[in-house]
Amino acid sequence: MISTISQDNLVIDILNSTFGADIVNGAMKYIACYNDRKGEKRRLISNHFNILSFEWQKGNAKAYLESLDTELQNCIICHLMEDFVIDRTSKA
């Protein structure tokens, strides 16, 4: 259980250091709304997530994320956290 908590904190730390605590904390408050809307926005989130991944490799992740509207920013941060949870549970 301790490793799960520290892994969760690691992901939050990475997201905070990349995007800033304000953006990440805002997105964490948006998780319930994201879960309700992710089906209808799947393609939009996926497209921007792919672009973000490319920009992250170039060192431009924060600038790209900040260029998006707040709702889409929140969706992408939630998507990143969800992907981590899915990866972690599939390995367990």
PDB file of N, CA and C in Angstrom:
ATOM      1  N   MET A   1       0.818  -1.193   0.000  1.00  0.00           N
ATOM      2  CA  MET A   1       0.000   0.000   0.000  1.00  0.00           C
ATOM      3  C   MET A   1       0.859   1.254   0.000  1.00  0.00           C
ATOM      4  N   ILE A   2       1.956   1.249   0.716  1.00  0.00           N
ATOM      5  CA  ILE A   2       2.822   2.415   0.765  1.00  0.00           C
ATOM      6  C   ILE A   2       3.385   2.726  -0.613  1.00  0.00           C
ATOM      7  N   SER A   3       3.776   1.701  -1.381  1.00  0.00           N
ATOM      8  CA  SER A   3       4.310   1.952  -2.718  1.00  0.00           C
ATOM      9  C   SER A   3       3.254   2.563  -3.629  1.00  0.00           C
ATOM     10  N   THR A   4       1.988   2.180  -3.464  1.00  0.00           N
ATOM     11  CA  THR A   4       0.916   2.771  -4.256  1.00  0.00           C
ATOM     12  C   THR A   4       0.794   4.249  -3.953  1.00  0.00           C
ATOM     13  N   ILE A   5       0.811   4.601  -2.697  1.00  0.00           N
ATOM     14  CA  ILE A   5       0.709   5.997  -2.313  1.00  0.00           C
ATOM     15  C   ILE A   5       1.909   6.778  -2.837  1.00  0.00           C
ATOM     16  N   SER A   6       3.099   6.244  -2.690  1.00  0.00           N
ATOM     17  CA  SER A   6       4.272   6.965  -3.167  1.00  0.00           C
ATOM     18  C   SER A   6       4.265   7.059  -4.687  1.00  0.00           C
ATOM     19  N   GLN A   7       3.760   6.042  -5.394  1.00  0.00           N
ATOM     20  CA  GLN A   7       3.651   6.122  -6.851  1.00  0.00           C
ATOM     21  C   GLN A   7       2.651   7.190  -7.250  1.00  0.00           C
ATOM     22  N   ASP A   8       1.518   7.245  -6.548  1.00  0.00           N
ATOM     23  CA  ASP A   8       0.528   8.287  -6.822  1.00  0.00           C
ATOM     24  C   ASP A   8       1.148   9.658  -6.613  1.00  0.00           C
ATOM     25  N   ASN A   9       1.874   9.811  -5.513  1.00  0.00           N
ATOM     26  CA  ASN A   9       2.519  11.080  -5.238  1.00  0.00           C
ATOM     27  C   ASN A   9       3.557  11.416  -6.295  1.00  0.00           C
ATOM     28  N   LEU A  10       4.255  10.416  -6.792  1.00  0.00           N
ATOM     29  CA  LEU A  10       5.243  10.639  -7.841  1.00  0.00           C
ATOM     30  C   LEU A  10       4.574  11.199  -9.086  1.00  0.00           C
ATOM     31  N   VAL A  11       3.455  10.641  -9.481  1.00  0.00           N
ATOM     32  CA  VAL A  11       2.741  11.130 -10.657  1.00  0.00           C
ATOM     33  C   VAL A  11       2.280  12.563 -10.419  1.00  0.00           C
ATOM     34  N   ILE A  12       1.726  12.825  -9.255  1.00  0.00           N
ATOM     35  CA  ILE A  12       1.292  14.180  -8.928  1.00  0.00           C
ATOM     36  C   ILE A  12       2.491  15.123  -8.936  1.00  0.00           C
ATOM     37  N   ASP A  13       3.614  14.692  -8.387  1.00  0.00           N
ATOM     38  CA  ASP A  13       4.822  15.521  -8.382  1.00  0.00           C
ATOM     39  C   ASP A  13       5.297  15.823  -9.802  1.00  0.00           C
ATOM     40  N   ILE A  14       5.274  14.819 -10.669  1.00  0.00           N
ATOM     41  CA  ILE A  14       5.681  15.025 -12.065  1.00  0.00           C
ATOM     42  C   ILE A  14       4.745  16.007 -12.755  1.00  0.00           C
ATOM     43  N   LEU A  15       3.446  15.806 -12.570  1.00  0.00           N
ATOM     44  CA  LEU A  15       2.475  16.720 -13.178  1.00  0.00           C
ATOM     45  C   LEU A  15       2.621  18.129 -12.617  1.00  0.00           C
ATOM     46  N   ASN A  16       2.815  18.241 -11.296  1.00  0.00           N
ATOM     47  CA  ASN A  16       3.006  19.556 -10.682  1.00  0.00           C
ATOM     48  C   ASN A  16       4.249  20.245 -11.227  1.00  0.00           C
ATOM     49  N   SER A  17       5.348  19.506 -11.341  1.00  0.00           N
ATOM     50  CA  SER A  17       6.587  20.129 -11.812  1.00  0.00           C
ATOM     51  C   SER A  17       6.509  20.494 -13.292  1.00  0.00           C
ATOM     52  N   THR A  18       5.706  19.775 -14.046  1.00  0.00           N
ATOM     53  CA  THR A  18       5.583  20.068 -15.477  1.00  0.00           C
ATOM     54  C   THR A  18       4.571  21.165 -15.751  1.00  0.00           C
ATOM     55  N   PHE A  19       3.415  21.092 -15.106  1.00  0.00           N
ATOM     56  CA  PHE A  19       2.318  21.997 -15.438  1.00  0.00           C
ATOM     57  C   PHE A  19       2.009  23.031 -14.364  1.00  0.00           C
ATOM     58  N   GLY A  20       2.477  22.811 -13.149  1.00  0.00           N
ATOM     59  CA  GLY A  20       2.194  23.725 -12.046  1.00  0.00           C
ATOM     60  C   GLY A  20       1.090  23.183 -11.162  1.00  0.00           C
ATOM     61  N   ALA A  21       1.247  23.423  -9.876  1.00  0.00           N
ATOM     62  CA  ALA A  21       0.298  22.896  -8.890  1.00  0.00           C
ATOM     63  C   ALA A  21      -1.105  23.456  -9.079  1.00  0.00           C
ATOM     64  N   ASP A  22      -1.230  24.704  -9.493  1.00  0.00           N
ATOM     65  CA  ASP A  22      -2.561  25.288  -9.674  1.00  0.00           C
ATOM     66  C   ASP A  22      -3.361  24.537 -10.735  1.00  0.00           C
ATOM     67  N   ILE A  23      -2.720  24.239 -11.850  1.00  0.00           N
ATOM     68  CA  ILE A  23      -3.402  23.515 -12.935  1.00  0.00           C
ATOM     69  C   ILE A  23      -3.768  22.101 -12.489  1.00  0.00           C
ATOM     70  N   VAL A  24      -2.829  21.421 -11.846  1.00  0.00           N
ATOM     71  CA  VAL A  24      -3.069  20.033 -11.425  1.00  0.00           C
ATOM     72  C   VAL A  24      -4.138  19.980 -10.337  1.00  0.00           C
ATOM     73  N   ASN A  25      -4.065  20.859  -9.355  1.00  0.00           N
ATOM     74  CA  ASN A  25      -5.078  20.875  -8.289  1.00  0.00           C
ATOM     75  C   ASN A  25      -6.454  21.194  -8.853  1.00  0.00           C
ATOM     76  N   GLY A  26      -6.517  22.106  -9.810  1.00  0.00           N
ATOM     77  CA  GLY A  26      -7.793  22.420 -10.452  1.00  0.00           C
ATOM     78  C   GLY A  26      -8.358  21.216 -11.172  1.00  0.00           C
ATOM     79  N   ALA A  27      -7.489  20.485 -11.855  1.00  0.00           N
ATOM     80  CA  ALA A  27      -7.936  19.295 -12.587  1.00  0.00           C
ATOM     81  C   ALA A  27      -8.408  18.210 -11.632  1.00  0.00           C
ATOM     82  N   MET A  28      -7.746  18.062 -10.501  1.00  0.00           N
ATOM     83  CA  MET A  28      -8.139  17.030  -9.534  1.00  0.00           C
ATOM     84  C   MET A  28      -9.537  17.288  -8.995  1.00  0.00           C
ATOM     85  N   LYS A  29      -9.926  18.547  -8.908  1.00  0.00           N
ATOM     86  CA  LYS A  29     -11.284  18.886  -8.469  1.00  0.00           C
ATOM     87  C   LYS A  29     -12.303  18.602  -9.567  1.00  0.00           C
ATOM     88  N   TYR A  30     -11.830  18.398 -10.764  1.00  0.00           N
ATOM     89  CA  TYR A  30     -12.662  18.220 -11.949  1.00  0.00           C
ATOM     90  C   TYR A  30     -12.879  16.742 -12.299  1.00  0.00           C
ATOM     91  N   ILE A  31     -12.300  15.832 -11.529  1.00  0.00           N
ATOM     92  CA  ILE A  31     -12.313  14.408 -11.873  1.00  0.00           C
ATOM     93  C   ILE A  31     -13.728  13.861 -12.059  1.00  0.00           C
ATOM     94  N   ALA A  32     -14.651  14.186 -11.187  1.00  0.00           N
ATOM     95  CA  ALA A  32     -16.022  13.663 -11.322  1.00  0.00           C
ATOM     96  C   ALA A  32     -16.654  14.139 -12.625  1.00  0.00           C
ATOM     97  N   CYS A  33     -16.453  15.394 -12.953  1.00  0.00           N
ATOM     98  CA  CYS A  33     -16.993  15.939 -14.204  1.00  0.00           C
ATOM     99  C   CYS A  33     -16.317  15.276 -15.402  1.00  0.00           C
ATOM    100  N   TYR A  34     -15.014  15.074 -15.298  1.00  0.00           N
ATOM    101  CA  TYR A  34     -14.279  14.379 -16.372  1.00  0.00           C
ATOM    102  C   TYR A  34     -14.852  12.982 -16.589  1.00  0.00           C
ATOM    103  N   ASN A  35     -15.081  12.253 -15.519  1.00  0.00           N
ATOM    104  CA  ASN A  35     -15.622  10.895 -15.638  1.00  0.00           C
ATOM    105  C   ASN A  35     -16.985  10.891 -16.311  1.00  0.00           C
ATOM    106  N   ASP A  36     -17.799  11.930 -16.060  1.00  0.00           N
ATOM    107  CA  ASP A  36     -19.111  12.028 -16.692  1.00  0.00           C
ATOM    108  C   ASP A  36     -19.018  12.374 -18.173  1.00  0.00           C
ATOM    109  N   ARG A  37     -17.994  13.133 -18.570  1.00  0.00           N
ATOM    110  CA  ARG A  37     -17.912  13.651 -19.932  1.00  0.00           C
ATOM    111  C   ARG A  37     -16.880  12.982 -20.827  1.00  0.00           C
ATOM    112  N   LYS A  38     -16.045  12.131 -20.284  1.00  0.00           N
ATOM    113  CA  LYS A  38     -14.938  11.610 -21.087  1.00  0.00           C
ATOM    114  C   LYS A  38     -15.403  10.819 -22.300  1.00  0.00           C
ATOM    115  N   GLY A  39     -16.545  10.160 -22.213  1.00  0.00           N
ATOM    116  CA  GLY A  39     -17.048   9.405 -23.356  1.00  0.00           C
ATOM    117  C   GLY A  39     -17.388  10.297 -24.531  1.00  0.00           C
ATOM    118  N   GLU A  40     -18.048  11.396 -24.266  1.00  0.00           N
ATOM    119  CA  GLU A  40     -18.453  12.294 -25.349  1.00  0.00           C
ATOM    120  C   GLU A  40     -17.276  13.108 -25.898  1.00  0.00           C
ATOM    121  N   LYS A  41     -16.215  13.235 -25.121  1.00  0.00           N
ATOM    122  CA  LYS A  41     -15.063  14.024 -25.545  1.00  0.00           C
ATOM    123  C   LYS A  41     -13.838  13.165 -25.844  1.00  0.00           C
ATOM    124  N   ARG A  42     -14.040  11.874 -25.954  1.00  0.00           N
ATOM    125  CA  ARG A  42     -12.911  10.945 -26.115  1.00  0.00           C
ATOM    126  C   ARG A  42     -11.998  11.325 -27.278  1.00  0.00           C
ATOM    127  N   ARG A  43     -12.550  11.598 -28.427  1.00  0.00           N
ATOM    128  CA  ARG A  43     -11.727  11.918 -29.601  1.00  0.00           C
ATOM    129  C   ARG A  43     -10.973  13.237 -29.405  1.00  0.00           C
ATOM    130  N   LEU A  44     -11.640  14.237 -28.894  1.00  0.00           N
ATOM    131  CA  LEU A  44     -10.998  15.530 -28.647  1.00  0.00           C
ATOM    132  C   LEU A  44      -9.858  15.392 -27.643  1.00  0.00           C
ATOM    133  N   ILE A  45     -10.128  14.691 -26.546  1.00  0.00           N
ATOM    134  CA  ILE A  45      -9.098  14.474 -25.522  1.00  0.00           C
ATOM    135  C   ILE A  45      -7.931  13.683 -26.111  1.00  0.00           C
ATOM    136  N   SER A  46      -8.229  12.653 -26.851  1.00  0.00           N
ATOM    137  CA  SER A  46      -7.190  11.812 -27.440  1.00  0.00           C
ATOM    138  C   SER A  46      -6.313  12.600 -28.408  1.00  0.00           C
ATOM    139  N   ASN A  47      -6.931  13.402 -29.256  1.00  0.00           N
ATOM    140  CA  ASN A  47      -6.160  14.203 -30.211  1.00  0.00           C
ATOM    141  C   ASN A  47      -5.217  15.163 -29.496  1.00  0.00           C
ATOM    142  N   HIS A  48      -5.735  15.887 -28.513  1.00  0.00           N
ATOM    143  CA  HIS A  48      -4.901  16.842 -27.787  1.00  0.00           C
ATOM    144  C   HIS A  48      -3.883  16.140 -26.896  1.00  0.00           C
ATOM    145  N   PHE A  49      -4.235  14.986 -26.370  1.00  0.00           N
ATOM    146  CA  PHE A  49      -3.286  14.208 -25.568  1.00  0.00           C
ATOM    147  C   PHE A  49      -2.092  13.787 -26.426  1.00  0.00           C
ATOM    148  N   ASN A  50      -2.352  13.356 -27.656  1.00  0.00           N
ATOM    149  CA  ASN A  50      -1.271  12.963 -28.556  1.00  0.00           C
ATOM    150  C   ASN A  50      -0.365  14.147 -28.894  1.00  0.00           C
ATOM    151  N   ILE A  51      -0.964  15.289 -29.142  1.00  0.00           N
ATOM    152  CA  ILE A  51      -0.163  16.492 -29.410  1.00  0.00           C
ATOM    153  C   ILE A  51       0.641  16.863 -28.172  1.00  0.00           C
ATOM    154  N   LEU A  52       0.009  16.789 -27.001  1.00  0.00           N
ATOM    155  CA  LEU A  52       0.711  17.099 -25.758  1.00  0.00           C
ATOM    156  C   LEU A  52       1.904  16.169 -25.559  1.00  0.00           C
ATOM    157  N   SER A  53       1.721  14.892 -25.849  1.00  0.00           N
ATOM    158  CA  SER A  53       2.821  13.933 -25.706  1.00  0.00           C
ATOM    159  C   SER A  53       4.001  14.326 -26.593  1.00  0.00           C
ATOM    160  N   PHE A  54       3.713  14.725 -27.817  1.00  0.00           N
ATOM    161  CA  PHE A  54       4.757  15.168 -28.737  1.00  0.00           C
ATOM    162  C   PHE A  54       5.429  16.435 -28.211  1.00  0.00           C
ATOM    163  N   GLU A  55       4.636  17.390 -27.766  1.00  0.00           N
ATOM    164  CA  GLU A  55       5.177  18.643 -27.232  1.00  0.00           C
ATOM    165  C   GLU A  55       5.993  18.399 -25.969  1.00  0.00           C
ATOM    166  N   TRP A  56       5.584  17.420 -25.175  1.00  0.00           N
ATOM    167  CA  TRP A  56       6.310  17.083 -23.936  1.00  0.00           C
ATOM    168  C   TRP A  56       7.723  16.619 -24.291  1.00  0.00           C
ATOM    169  N   GLN A  57       7.846  15.820 -25.323  1.00  0.00           N
ATOM    170  CA  GLN A  57       9.155  15.350 -25.764  1.00  0.00           C
ATOM    171  C   GLN A  57      10.042  16.506 -26.221  1.00  0.00           C
ATOM    172  N   LYS A  58       9.438  17.556 -26.735  1.00  0.00           N
ATOM    173  CA  LYS A  58      10.189  18.723 -27.192  1.00  0.00           C
ATOM    174  C   LYS A  58      10.418  19.737 -26.070  1.00  0.00           C
ATOM    175  N   GLY A  59       9.840  19.462 -24.886  1.00  0.00           N
ATOM    176  CA  GLY A  59       9.985  20.390 -23.763  1.00  0.00           C
ATOM    177  C   GLY A  59       8.977  21.514 -23.761  1.00  0.00           C
ATOM    178  N   ASN A  60       7.896  21.368 -24.529  1.00  0.00           N
ATOM    179  CA  ASN A  60       6.895  22.427 -24.643  1.00  0.00           C
ATOM    180  C   ASN A  60       5.537  22.045 -24.068  1.00  0.00           C
ATOM    181  N   ALA A  61       5.508  21.073 -23.174  1.00  0.00           N
ATOM    182  CA  ALA A  61       4.228  20.553 -22.679  1.00  0.00           C
ATOM    183  C   ALA A  61       3.405  21.622 -21.968  1.00  0.00           C
ATOM    184  N   LYS A  62       4.039  22.372 -21.090  1.00  0.00           N
ATOM    185  CA  LYS A  62       3.287  23.364 -20.319  1.00  0.00           C
ATOM    186  C   LYS A  62       2.705  24.443 -21.224  1.00  0.00           C
ATOM    187  N   ALA A  63       3.501  24.936 -22.143  1.00  0.00           N
ATOM    188  CA  ALA A  63       3.014  25.976 -23.058  1.00  0.00           C
ATOM    189  C   ALA A  63       1.841  25.461 -23.886  1.00  0.00           C
ATOM    190  N   TYR A  64       1.944  24.217 -24.354  1.00  0.00           N
ATOM    191  CA  TYR A  64       0.849  23.661 -25.149  1.00  0.00           C
ATOM    192  C   TYR A  64      -0.405  23.513 -24.292  1.00  0.00           C
ATOM    193  N   LEU A  65      -0.264  22.937 -23.108  1.00  0.00           N
ATOM    194  CA  LEU A  65      -1.431  22.739 -22.255  1.00  0.00           C
ATOM    195  C   LEU A  65      -2.086  24.073 -21.932  1.00  0.00           C
ATOM    196  N   GLU A  66      -1.273  25.084 -21.626  1.00  0.00           N
ATOM    197  CA  GLU A  66      -1.822  26.397 -21.282  1.00  0.00           C
ATOM    198  C   GLU A  66      -2.497  27.081 -22.466  1.00  0.00           C
ATOM    199  N   SER A  67      -2.206  26.634 -23.688  1.00  0.00           N
ATOM    200  CA  SER A  67      -2.852  27.226 -24.859  1.00  0.00           C
ATOM    201  C   SER A  67      -4.285  26.720 -25.038  1.00  0.00           C
ATOM    202  N   LEU A  68      -4.641  25.671 -24.313  1.00  0.00           N
ATOM    203  CA  LEU A  68      -5.977  25.081 -24.398  1.00  0.00           C
ATOM    204  C   LEU A  68      -6.911  25.730 -23.391  1.00  0.00           C
ATOM    205  N   ASP A  69      -8.222  25.610 -23.641  1.00  0.00           N
ATOM    206  CA  ASP A  69      -9.162  26.153 -22.650  1.00  0.00           C
ATOM    207  C   ASP A  69      -9.106  25.315 -21.373  1.00  0.00           C
ATOM    208  N   THR A  70      -9.561  25.899 -20.291  1.00  0.00           N
ATOM    209  CA  THR A  70      -9.427  25.289 -18.965  1.00  0.00           C
ATOM    210  C   THR A  70     -10.092  23.930 -18.881  1.00  0.00           C
ATOM    211  N   GLU A  71     -11.266  23.778 -19.465  1.00  0.00           N
ATOM    212  CA  GLU A  71     -11.946  22.484 -19.397  1.00  0.00           C
ATOM    213  C   GLU A  71     -11.120  21.398 -20.081  1.00  0.00           C
ATOM    214  N   LEU A  72     -10.551  21.714 -21.225  1.00  0.00           N
ATOM    215  CA  LEU A  72      -9.726  20.732 -21.933  1.00  0.00           C
ATOM    216  C   LEU A  72      -8.436  20.454 -21.167  1.00  0.00           C
ATOM    217  N   GLN A  73      -7.850  21.470 -20.555  1.00  0.00           N
ATOM    218  CA  GLN A  73      -6.679  21.259 -19.696  1.00  0.00           C
ATOM    219  C   GLN A  73      -7.010  20.251 -18.597  1.00  0.00           C
ATOM    220  N   ASN A  74      -8.136  20.483 -17.928  1.00  0.00           N
ATOM    221  CA  ASN A  74      -8.555  19.593 -16.844  1.00  0.00           C
ATOM    222  C   ASN A  74      -8.766  18.170 -17.349  1.00  0.00           C
ATOM    223  N   CYS A  75      -9.399  18.036 -18.505  1.00  0.00           N
ATOM    224  CA  CYS A  75      -9.643  16.707 -19.065  1.00  0.00           C
ATOM    225  C   CYS A  75      -8.331  15.986 -19.356  1.00  0.00           C
ATOM    226  N   ILE A  76      -7.372  16.700 -19.897  1.00  0.00           N
ATOM    227  CA  ILE A  76      -6.100  16.068 -20.248  1.00  0.00           C
ATOM    228  C   ILE A  76      -5.327  15.665 -18.997  1.00  0.00           C
ATOM    229  N   ILE A  77      -5.303  16.504 -17.982  1.00  0.00           N
ATOM    230  CA  ILE A  77      -4.634  16.143 -16.719  1.00  0.00           C
ATOM    231  C   ILE A  77      -5.323  14.922 -16.111  1.00  0.00           C
ATOM    232  N   CYS A  78      -6.641  14.909 -16.087  1.00  0.00           N
ATOM    233  CA  CYS A  78      -7.372  13.748 -15.566  1.00  0.00           C
ATOM    234  C   CYS A  78      -7.068  12.511 -16.390  1.00  0.00           C
ATOM    235  N   HIS A  79      -6.972  12.669 -17.698  1.00  0.00           N
ATOM    236  CA  HIS A  79      -6.645  11.553 -18.585  1.00  0.00           C
ATOM    237  C   HIS A  79      -5.252  11.003 -18.261  1.00  0.00           C
ATOM    238  N   LEU A  80      -4.295  11.881 -18.020  1.00  0.00           N
ATOM    239  CA  LEU A  80      -2.948  11.448 -17.637  1.00  0.00           C
ATOM    240  C   LEU A  80      -2.977  10.653 -16.335  1.00  0.00           C
ATOM    241  N   MET A  81      -3.725  11.156 -15.352  1.00  0.00           N
ATOM    242  CA  MET A  81      -3.819  10.448 -14.068  1.00  0.00           C
ATOM    243  C   MET A  81      -4.525   9.111 -14.244  1.00  0.00           C
ATOM    244  N   GLU A  82      -5.568   9.079 -15.045  1.00  0.00           N
ATOM    245  CA  GLU A  82      -6.305   7.838 -15.290  1.00  0.00           C
ATOM    246  C   GLU A  82      -5.424   6.810 -15.985  1.00  0.00           C
ATOM    247  N   ASP A  83      -4.651   7.243 -16.983  1.00  0.00           N
ATOM    248  CA  ASP A  83      -3.731   6.333 -17.666  1.00  0.00           C
ATOM    249  C   ASP A  83      -2.744   5.715 -16.695  1.00  0.00           C
ATOM    250  N   PHE A  84      -2.245   6.511 -15.764  1.00  0.00           N
ATOM    251  CA  PHE A  84      -1.306   5.990 -14.778  1.00  0.00           C
ATOM    252  C   PHE A  84      -1.967   4.917 -13.923  1.00  0.00           C
ATOM    253  N   VAL A  85      -3.181   5.167 -13.465  1.00  0.00           N
ATOM    254  CA  VAL A  85      -3.906   4.210 -12.620  1.00  0.00           C
ATOM    255  C   VAL A  85      -4.139   2.917 -13.394  1.00  0.00           C
ATOM    256  N   ILE A  86      -4.544   3.032 -14.659  1.00  0.00           N
ATOM    257  CA  ILE A  86      -4.782   1.847 -15.474  1.00  0.00           C
ATOM    258  C   ILE A  86      -3.493   1.063 -15.655  1.00  0.00           C
ATOM    259  N   ASP A  87      -2.394   1.752 -15.967  1.00  0.00           N
ATOM    260  CA  ASP A  87      -1.093   1.070 -16.106  1.00  0.00           C
ATOM    261  C   ASP A  87      -0.698   0.364 -14.824  1.00  0.00           C
ATOM    262  N   ARG A  88      -0.855   1.051 -13.710  1.00  0.00           N
ATOM    263  CA  ARG A  88      -0.446   0.497 -12.416  1.00  0.00           C
ATOM    264  C   ARG A  88      -1.277  -0.739 -12.057  1.00  0.00           C
ATOM    265  N   THR A  89      -2.594  -0.669 -12.272  1.00  0.00           N
ATOM    266  CA  THR A  89      -3.441  -1.800 -11.889  1.00  0.00           C
ATOM    267  C   THR A  89      -3.278  -2.976 -12.851  1.00  0.00           C
ATOM    268  N   SER A  90      -2.954  -2.709 -14.101  1.00  0.00           N
ATOM    269  CA  SER A  90      -2.758  -3.816 -15.041  1.00  0.00           C
ATOM    270  C   SER A  90      -1.459  -4.575 -14.757  1.00  0.00           C
ATOM    271  N   LYS A  91      -0.489  -3.907 -14.159  1.00  0.00           N
ATOM    272  CA  LYS A  91       0.777  -4.550 -13.801  1.00  0.00           C
ATOM    273  C   LYS A  91       0.672  -5.320 -12.502  1.00  0.00           C
ATOM    274  N   ALA A  92      -0.318  -4.963 -11.682  1.00  0.00           N
ATOM    275  CA  ALA A  92      -0.463  -5.606 -10.363  1.00  0.00           C
ATOM    276  C   ALA A  92      -1.056  -6.979 -10.445  1.00  0.00           C
TER     277      ALA A  92
END
